[in-house]
Each structure stands twice: as C-alpha cells, then as structure tokens.
Amino acid sequence: MKISVLIPFYNEEKQVPITLAALRPILDSLGCDYEAVLVDDGSTDGTWDALRSASAQDARIRSLRFSRNFGKEAALCAALEAADGDACIVMDGDLQHPPEVIPEMIHLWREEGFEVVEGVKSSRGHESLASRFNATLFYGLFRRLSGFDLENASDFKLLDRRVVAEWRRLGEHDTFFRGLSAWLGFRRCKVPFDVAERKAGRSKWSPFKLVRLSLNAITSFSALPLQLVSLLGAVLLVLSLALGVQTLVRFLQGNAADGFTTVILLVLLIGGCIMLSLGLIGLYLARIFDEVKGRPRFIVSEDTRRRSR
C-alpha cells in the first residue's frame, strides 16, 4: 500500500517547513509507503527553494514548479497527474486541514471500503461574517443550480486510485475540484474536522478570486442561468403586453400624453435585463472559448524527480 499526499503552495516560504514537520511524523506512523507531491503554483518568494530543499533531503518528496501562477485548481490537477499511490490525500499547505485526521481517513478507505473520504468542516474557524455570508450564498446557489450539496465541504479529501483514474479522464480546462469530485460519485463518506489556525502567512484568496471561482463553479455545473434568460424574456413580454394594452386604452380615452414616466422605467428595466442576459451569455461563451483553445491546464517548469534522473 502506498499513500500519496498532494499539497499546493503559493507564496508560502515560511509555511513549507512547518507543514512538512507536522506531516512527517503522522505519515511515518502509518506503517506504509508514502510520497508527498508538492506543487509550487508560480510563487514569487522562496517557496520553491524550500520545496527543492525538502526534496533533496527526502526522496519521498517530489516537488513540481509551475512556469507561472496557474491557480490552485491547476495545482491540484498537476498533483493528481503526478501521484502514483493507491490512495491520494489532497490537503491545503497552510495546515488548516489538520494532518491528524489522515489516519482516520485511511482507516475508512482501507478497512471500510470507502473510495472517497471527504473532510467536512465542523467549524469554519475565525472567518469574518462577510466570508461566512458569501460561503452560505454560494453553496446555496450551487446546490439549487447543480443539485450537488457542498455545504461545509473542503478540498481535504482521500481519493482511491480508481477515482483518480477517472479524474484524469476529465478533459475540462477550468476545473472545480470540490464539484467534480462529487460528480464522479463512488462510495463515499464524510469526516468532520475543525479548521485550524494558520501558523504563518495569510490567505491568498482575494474577494475577486473567490467571485471568479464561484462563477467558474456555477457555469461549469449548470446551464440553468441560460434558461433563466428565456424565463426573464417571457416575463418581460407579458409585462410589455400588459403595458401595451394599458397604453392603448389610455389612447382611446384621450389620455395618450400621460404615462411618460412609465415608458422611461420600462426602457430602463428592459435595458438592464438585456445587459444582464448578455453578461450571462458572455460567461458561457468565455468558457467555451477557453475550452476550444485546447491549451494545457498548467506548465511544469521544474520537477525534482525528473531532474534527479
């Protein structure tokens, strides 16, 4: 049995040694072979030097470096492509996914036969009210639009080798790991965990990146927003017919000059709805444009294992 632990890093120079120091004793206690696949997502600090040093000291650590910042989703894809374990454990590099949960995950996989073991947040740590609200709003929309309930879900998961093999068959350029892992199915269970405090650094997720990820996730899993455009058009058509009848009646009554305010409001309403609809269509067209170009999800500029050969 071999376990692969997959961790993406971005500008986490100080966090790398802390994470590896916490992870090593837990992996050593498992009594099985393991590897750690660490991905530097185009960091601009000394993260790569820290990863390369760790790989030089321990042959079980493989480090990959992107040619630039491709994003966390791409880093997860690269790690899943490089892993060769019987099970892969995906976790964040900031230790907010506690390594102490790993033995329980492996037990559920090995002894109970679960092919996906999902880490679910029993508490969200010291998140701001705005972050909690945004998370609740996103997961609520995602559940209604896609049918998958990801509330309190995380990227902290164990995937059996069969699940990873099916993941590698997915040809999408822009991925949403949490959603796609749920879409893959297989026999799965959940393990609760408390989000731990960061030991060093701070989160790299800006509000803009979170909004972009949310839009990407929703448009990846549902075409319902496009159907809402048709529904919106039908509602406006009914409203226009009602106002048309009202205008005709007022004309016949000799009051055609009245209602100028209504016309202005109607034009603004229809104009706003048209622009909103065009924006939604533009999102889907942009996704199609990105997919048909056929560019790779990521480019690995350095691989410590490849160089050592």
Protein backbone atom coordinates (compact mmCIF):
# COMPACT_ATOMS: atom_id res chain seq x y z
CA MET A 1 0.00 0.00 0.00
CA LYS A 2 1.26 3.45 -0.96
CA ILE A 3 -0.25 6.78 0.06
CA SER A 4 0.23 9.98 -1.94
CA VAL A 5 -0.22 13.29 -0.12
CA LEU A 6 -0.84 16.19 -2.52
CA ILE A 7 -0.28 19.77 -1.38
CA PRO A 8 -0.30 23.01 -3.45
CA PHE A 9 1.70 26.02 -2.24
CA TYR A 10 1.67 29.65 -3.34
CA ASN A 11 3.97 32.17 -1.67
CA GLU A 12 4.26 30.02 1.47
CA GLU A 13 8.03 30.21 2.07
CA LYS A 14 7.68 30.22 5.86
CA GLN A 15 4.84 27.72 5.94
CA VAL A 16 6.52 24.91 3.96
CA PRO A 17 8.88 23.66 6.73
CA ILE A 18 6.10 23.98 9.34
CA THR A 19 3.72 21.90 7.24
CA LEU A 20 6.28 19.18 6.48
CA ALA A 21 7.36 19.00 10.12
CA ALA A 22 3.74 18.41 11.17
CA LEU A 23 3.07 15.93 8.37
CA ARG A 24 6.13 13.65 8.57
CA PRO A 25 5.52 12.00 11.97
CA ILE A 26 1.91 11.26 11.08
CA LEU A 27 2.84 9.66 7.77
CA ASP A 28 5.69 7.72 9.40
CA SER A 29 3.26 6.32 11.97
CA LEU A 30 1.05 4.79 9.26
CA GLY A 31 3.47 1.92 8.69
CA CYS A 32 3.16 2.05 4.91
CA ASP A 33 4.98 3.54 1.95
CA TYR A 34 4.10 7.12 1.08
CA GLU A 35 5.06 10.04 -1.09
CA ALA A 36 4.38 13.76 -0.89
CA VAL A 37 3.73 15.62 -4.15
CA LEU A 38 4.21 19.33 -3.53
CA VAL A 39 3.31 21.90 -6.20
CA ASP A 40 4.67 25.43 -6.31
CA ASP A 41 1.99 27.45 -8.11
CA GLY A 42 4.37 30.07 -9.54
CA SER A 43 5.39 31.61 -6.22
CA THR A 44 7.39 34.83 -6.23
CA ASP A 45 9.08 34.30 -2.85
CA GLY A 46 11.36 31.50 -1.65
CA THR A 47 8.72 28.76 -1.72
CA TRP A 48 10.44 26.83 -4.50
CA ASP A 49 13.78 26.88 -2.71
CA ALA A 50 12.07 25.45 0.39
CA LEU A 51 10.37 22.71 -1.63
CA ARG A 52 13.52 21.84 -3.55
CA SER A 53 15.49 21.62 -0.29
CA ALA A 54 12.86 19.30 1.21
CA SER A 55 13.02 17.05 -1.87
CA ALA A 56 16.80 16.89 -1.66
CA GLN A 57 16.60 15.74 1.97
CA ASP A 58 13.84 13.16 1.49
CA ALA A 59 13.45 11.04 -1.67
CA ARG A 60 9.77 10.50 -0.86
CA ILE A 61 9.06 14.19 -1.52
CA ARG A 62 8.51 15.20 -5.12
CA SER A 63 8.24 18.90 -5.91
CA LEU A 64 6.83 20.48 -9.07
CA ARG A 65 7.20 24.10 -10.08
CA PHE A 66 4.83 25.90 -12.44
CA SER A 67 6.19 28.29 -15.05
CA ARG A 68 3.79 30.92 -13.64
CA ASN A 69 0.78 31.19 -11.35
CA PHE A 70 -1.96 29.00 -12.86
CA GLY A 71 -4.15 28.83 -9.74
CA LYS A 72 -4.92 26.31 -7.04
CA GLU A 73 -7.24 24.21 -9.22
CA ALA A 74 -4.47 23.72 -11.77
CA ALA A 75 -2.03 22.84 -8.98
CA LEU A 76 -4.40 20.13 -7.75
CA CYS A 77 -4.68 18.77 -11.29
CA ALA A 78 -0.88 18.63 -11.60
CA ALA A 79 -0.54 16.80 -8.29
CA LEU A 80 -3.22 14.26 -9.23
CA GLU A 81 -1.48 13.65 -12.56
CA ALA A 82 1.88 13.06 -10.85
CA ALA A 83 0.70 10.86 -7.96
CA ASP A 84 1.10 7.10 -8.16
CA GLY A 85 -0.23 5.98 -4.77
CA ASP A 86 -3.06 3.53 -4.10
CA ALA A 87 -4.85 6.44 -2.46
CA CYS A 88 -4.33 10.20 -2.77
CA ILE A 89 -4.92 12.64 0.06
CA VAL A 90 -5.46 16.23 -1.06
CA MET A 91 -4.93 18.96 1.52
CA ASP A 92 -4.01 22.64 1.80
CA GLY A 93 -0.49 23.64 2.69
CA ASP A 94 -1.44 26.04 5.49
CA LEU A 95 -2.35 23.24 7.97
CA GLN A 96 -5.95 24.42 8.19
CA HIS A 97 -6.64 20.88 7.05
CA PRO A 98 -5.30 19.03 10.13
CA PRO A 99 -2.96 16.11 9.30
CA GLU A 100 -4.17 14.36 12.45
CA VAL A 101 -7.30 13.34 10.51
CA ILE A 102 -5.30 11.39 7.91
CA PRO A 103 -5.13 8.08 9.88
CA GLU A 104 -8.92 8.06 10.23
CA MET A 105 -9.31 8.71 6.51
CA ILE A 106 -7.02 5.82 5.67
CA HIS A 107 -8.89 3.53 8.07
CA LEU A 108 -12.22 4.33 6.42
CA TRP A 109 -10.69 3.72 2.99
CA ARG A 110 -8.74 0.58 3.79
CA GLU A 111 -10.98 -1.15 6.35
CA GLU A 112 -14.46 0.15 5.47
CA GLY A 113 -14.01 0.21 1.69
CA PHE A 114 -14.93 3.84 1.03
CA GLU A 115 -13.42 5.14 -2.21
CA VAL A 116 -13.82 8.84 -1.35
CA VAL A 117 -13.38 10.16 2.18
CA GLU A 118 -14.36 13.81 2.41
CA GLY A 119 -13.19 16.22 5.07
CA VAL A 120 -16.16 18.35 6.13
CA LYS A 121 -15.78 21.47 8.24
CA SER A 122 -17.48 21.13 11.61
CA SER A 123 -16.48 24.75 12.26
CA ARG A 124 -15.15 27.39 9.88
CA GLY A 125 -12.60 28.85 12.28
CA HIS A 126 -12.23 32.60 12.68
CA GLU A 127 -13.92 33.64 9.45
CA SER A 128 -15.41 37.08 9.10
CA LEU A 129 -19.17 37.50 8.86
CA ALA A 130 -18.77 38.59 5.23
CA SER A 131 -16.89 35.39 4.37
CA ARG A 132 -19.49 33.23 6.10
CA PHE A 133 -22.30 35.01 4.28
CA ASN A 134 -20.57 34.66 0.91
CA ALA A 135 -19.93 30.95 1.53
CA THR A 136 -23.57 30.36 2.52
CA LEU A 137 -24.80 32.27 -0.55
CA PHE A 138 -22.50 30.40 -2.94
CA TYR A 139 -23.23 26.92 -1.61
CA GLY A 140 -26.96 27.65 -1.60
CA LEU A 141 -26.88 28.78 -5.23
CA PHE A 142 -24.65 25.88 -6.24
CA ARG A 143 -26.97 23.33 -4.61
CA ARG A 144 -30.04 24.74 -6.34
CA LEU A 145 -28.41 25.12 -9.75
CA SER A 146 -26.33 21.92 -9.90
CA GLY A 147 -28.06 19.55 -7.49
CA PHE A 148 -24.83 18.89 -5.51
CA ASP A 149 -24.76 19.87 -1.84
CA LEU A 150 -21.26 21.12 -0.98
CA GLU A 151 -22.11 22.99 2.23
CA ASN A 152 -19.10 22.97 4.59
CA ALA A 153 -17.20 20.91 2.01
CA SER A 154 -13.46 21.34 1.55
CA ASP A 155 -10.61 20.21 -0.69
CA PHE A 156 -9.42 17.94 2.13
CA LYS A 157 -10.19 14.51 0.65
CA LEU A 158 -8.90 10.99 0.21
CA LEU A 159 -9.42 9.54 -3.27
CA ASP A 160 -8.94 5.90 -4.17
CA ARG A 161 -6.74 5.07 -7.16
CA ARG A 162 -9.86 4.22 -9.21
CA VAL A 163 -11.33 7.66 -8.52
CA VAL A 164 -8.07 9.36 -9.51
CA ALA A 165 -8.01 7.35 -12.75
CA GLU A 166 -11.49 8.62 -13.63
CA TRP A 167 -10.48 12.17 -12.68
CA ARG A 168 -7.63 12.01 -15.17
CA ARG A 169 -10.12 11.26 -17.93
CA LEU A 170 -11.87 14.61 -17.42
CA GLY A 171 -10.85 16.90 -20.25
CA GLU A 172 -12.05 20.24 -18.91
CA HIS A 173 -9.59 23.12 -18.87
CA ASP A 174 -11.16 25.01 -15.96
CA THR A 175 -11.87 22.63 -13.10
CA PHE A 176 -13.67 22.93 -9.77
CA PHE A 177 -12.21 20.16 -7.61
CA ARG A 178 -14.93 20.01 -4.96
CA GLY A 179 -17.71 19.86 -7.52
CA LEU A 180 -16.03 17.39 -9.86
CA SER A 181 -15.09 15.04 -7.03
CA ALA A 182 -18.79 14.99 -6.05
CA TRP A 183 -19.84 14.49 -9.69
CA LEU A 184 -17.56 11.45 -10.00
CA GLY A 185 -19.61 9.61 -7.40
CA PHE A 186 -18.20 6.33 -5.98
CA ARG A 187 -18.73 5.06 -2.45
CA ARG A 188 -18.06 7.96 -0.12
CA CYS A 189 -18.24 9.07 3.49
CA LYS A 190 -17.52 12.23 5.48
CA VAL A 191 -15.08 13.01 8.28
CA PRO A 192 -15.62 16.20 10.32
CA PHE A 193 -12.70 18.46 11.22
CA ASP A 194 -12.14 21.85 12.80
CA VAL A 195 -10.40 24.47 10.68
CA ALA A 196 -7.08 25.13 12.40
CA GLU A 197 -5.33 28.47 12.78
CA ARG A 198 -2.61 29.40 10.34
CA LYS A 199 0.92 29.12 11.71
CA ALA A 200 2.43 31.59 9.24
CA GLY A 201 1.41 33.85 6.38
CA ARG A 202 -2.13 34.71 5.36
CA SER A 203 -4.73 33.54 2.90
CA LYS A 204 -4.05 34.29 -0.78
CA TRP A 205 -7.75 34.27 -1.68
CA SER A 206 -8.86 37.81 -2.54
CA PRO A 207 -12.58 38.68 -2.95
CA PHE A 208 -12.04 38.90 -6.72
CA LYS A 209 -10.54 35.38 -6.88
CA LEU A 210 -13.39 33.97 -4.79
CA VAL A 211 -16.01 35.56 -7.06
CA ARG A 212 -14.19 34.22 -10.11
CA LEU A 213 -14.03 30.72 -8.62
CA SER A 214 -17.74 30.89 -7.76
CA LEU A 215 -18.73 31.93 -11.29
CA ASN A 216 -16.50 29.24 -12.74
CA ALA A 217 -18.04 26.60 -10.47
CA ILE A 218 -21.64 27.55 -11.27
CA THR A 219 -21.15 27.82 -15.04
CA SER A 220 -19.25 24.51 -15.02
CA PHE A 221 -22.10 22.56 -13.49
CA SER A 222 -25.31 24.19 -14.64
CA ALA A 223 -26.85 25.76 -17.74
CA LEU A 224 -29.85 26.92 -15.70
CA PRO A 225 -28.73 30.60 -15.74
CA LEU A 226 -29.08 30.50 -19.53
CA GLN A 227 -32.58 29.10 -19.17
CA LEU A 228 -33.36 31.93 -16.77
CA VAL A 229 -32.61 34.35 -19.62
CA SER A 230 -35.52 32.82 -21.57
CA LEU A 231 -37.72 33.00 -18.48
CA LEU A 232 -36.79 36.64 -17.98
CA GLY A 233 -37.67 37.34 -21.62
CA ALA A 234 -41.08 35.70 -21.16
CA VAL A 235 -41.80 37.77 -18.04
CA LEU A 236 -40.84 40.98 -19.81
CA LEU A 237 -43.01 40.01 -22.79
CA VAL A 238 -46.05 39.58 -20.55
CA LEU A 239 -45.26 42.88 -18.82
CA SER A 240 -44.87 44.63 -22.17
CA LEU A 241 -48.20 43.26 -23.40
CA ALA A 242 -49.92 44.46 -20.23
CA LEU A 243 -48.43 47.93 -20.58
CA GLY A 244 -49.30 47.92 -24.29
CA VAL A 245 -52.93 47.22 -23.51
CA GLN A 246 -52.91 49.97 -20.86
CA THR A 247 -51.39 52.43 -23.34
CA LEU A 248 -54.00 51.57 -25.98
CA VAL A 249 -56.83 52.02 -23.52
CA ARG A 250 -55.47 55.41 -22.40
CA PHE A 251 -55.15 56.44 -26.08
CA LEU A 252 -58.75 55.56 -26.75
CA GLN A 253 -59.75 57.53 -23.67
CA GLY A 254 -57.84 60.56 -24.91
CA ASN A 255 -55.05 60.39 -22.28
CA ALA A 256 -52.18 59.34 -24.57
CA ALA A 257 -49.84 62.08 -23.26
CA ASP A 258 -49.77 60.56 -19.79
CA GLY A 259 -47.52 57.65 -18.80
CA PHE A 260 -44.18 59.15 -19.86
CA THR A 261 -42.61 58.04 -16.55
CA THR A 262 -43.84 54.51 -17.17
CA VAL A 263 -42.16 54.46 -20.58
CA ILE A 264 -38.83 55.59 -19.11
CA LEU A 265 -38.97 52.98 -16.35
CA LEU A 266 -39.89 50.28 -18.85
CA VAL A 267 -36.98 51.19 -21.13
CA LEU A 268 -34.56 51.15 -18.19
CA LEU A 269 -35.95 47.81 -16.96
CA ILE A 270 -35.73 46.14 -20.35
CA GLY A 271 -32.28 47.63 -21.00
CA GLY A 272 -30.96 46.38 -17.67
CA CYS A 273 -32.38 42.90 -18.26
CA ILE A 274 -30.86 42.76 -21.74
CA MET A 275 -27.43 43.72 -20.43
CA LEU A 276 -27.72 41.15 -17.61
CA SER A 277 -28.71 38.48 -20.11
CA LEU A 278 -25.83 39.36 -22.42
CA GLY A 279 -23.48 39.14 -19.45
CA LEU A 280 -24.68 35.63 -18.59
CA ILE A 281 -24.35 34.52 -22.19
CA GLY A 282 -20.89 36.08 -22.28
CA LEU A 283 -19.79 33.98 -19.29
CA TYR A 284 -20.72 30.77 -21.06
CA LEU A 285 -19.16 31.92 -24.33
CA ALA A 286 -15.93 32.72 -22.47
CA ARG A 287 -15.92 29.17 -21.01
CA ILE A 288 -16.43 27.69 -24.47
CA PHE A 289 -13.65 29.92 -25.85
CA ASP A 290 -11.22 28.76 -23.14
CA GLU A 291 -12.07 25.11 -23.71
CA VAL A 292 -11.81 25.07 -27.52
CA LYS A 293 -8.36 26.67 -27.50
CA GLY A 294 -7.03 23.41 -26.09
CA ARG A 295 -4.27 24.98 -24.03
CA PRO A 296 -2.81 22.89 -21.19
CA ARG A 297 -4.13 23.43 -17.68
CA PHE A 298 -0.60 24.12 -16.44
CA ILE A 299 3.08 24.08 -17.45
CA VAL A 300 5.63 22.43 -15.16
CA SER A 301 8.98 24.17 -15.49
CA GLU A 302 10.85 22.07 -12.90
CA ASP A 303 10.36 18.62 -11.42
CA THR A 304 12.77 17.44 -8.74
CA ARG A 305 12.22 13.77 -9.55
CA ARG A 306 12.72 14.24 -13.27
CA ARG A 307 15.88 16.24 -12.76
CA SER A 308 17.33 13.62 -10.40
CA ARG A 309 17.02 11.03 -13.20
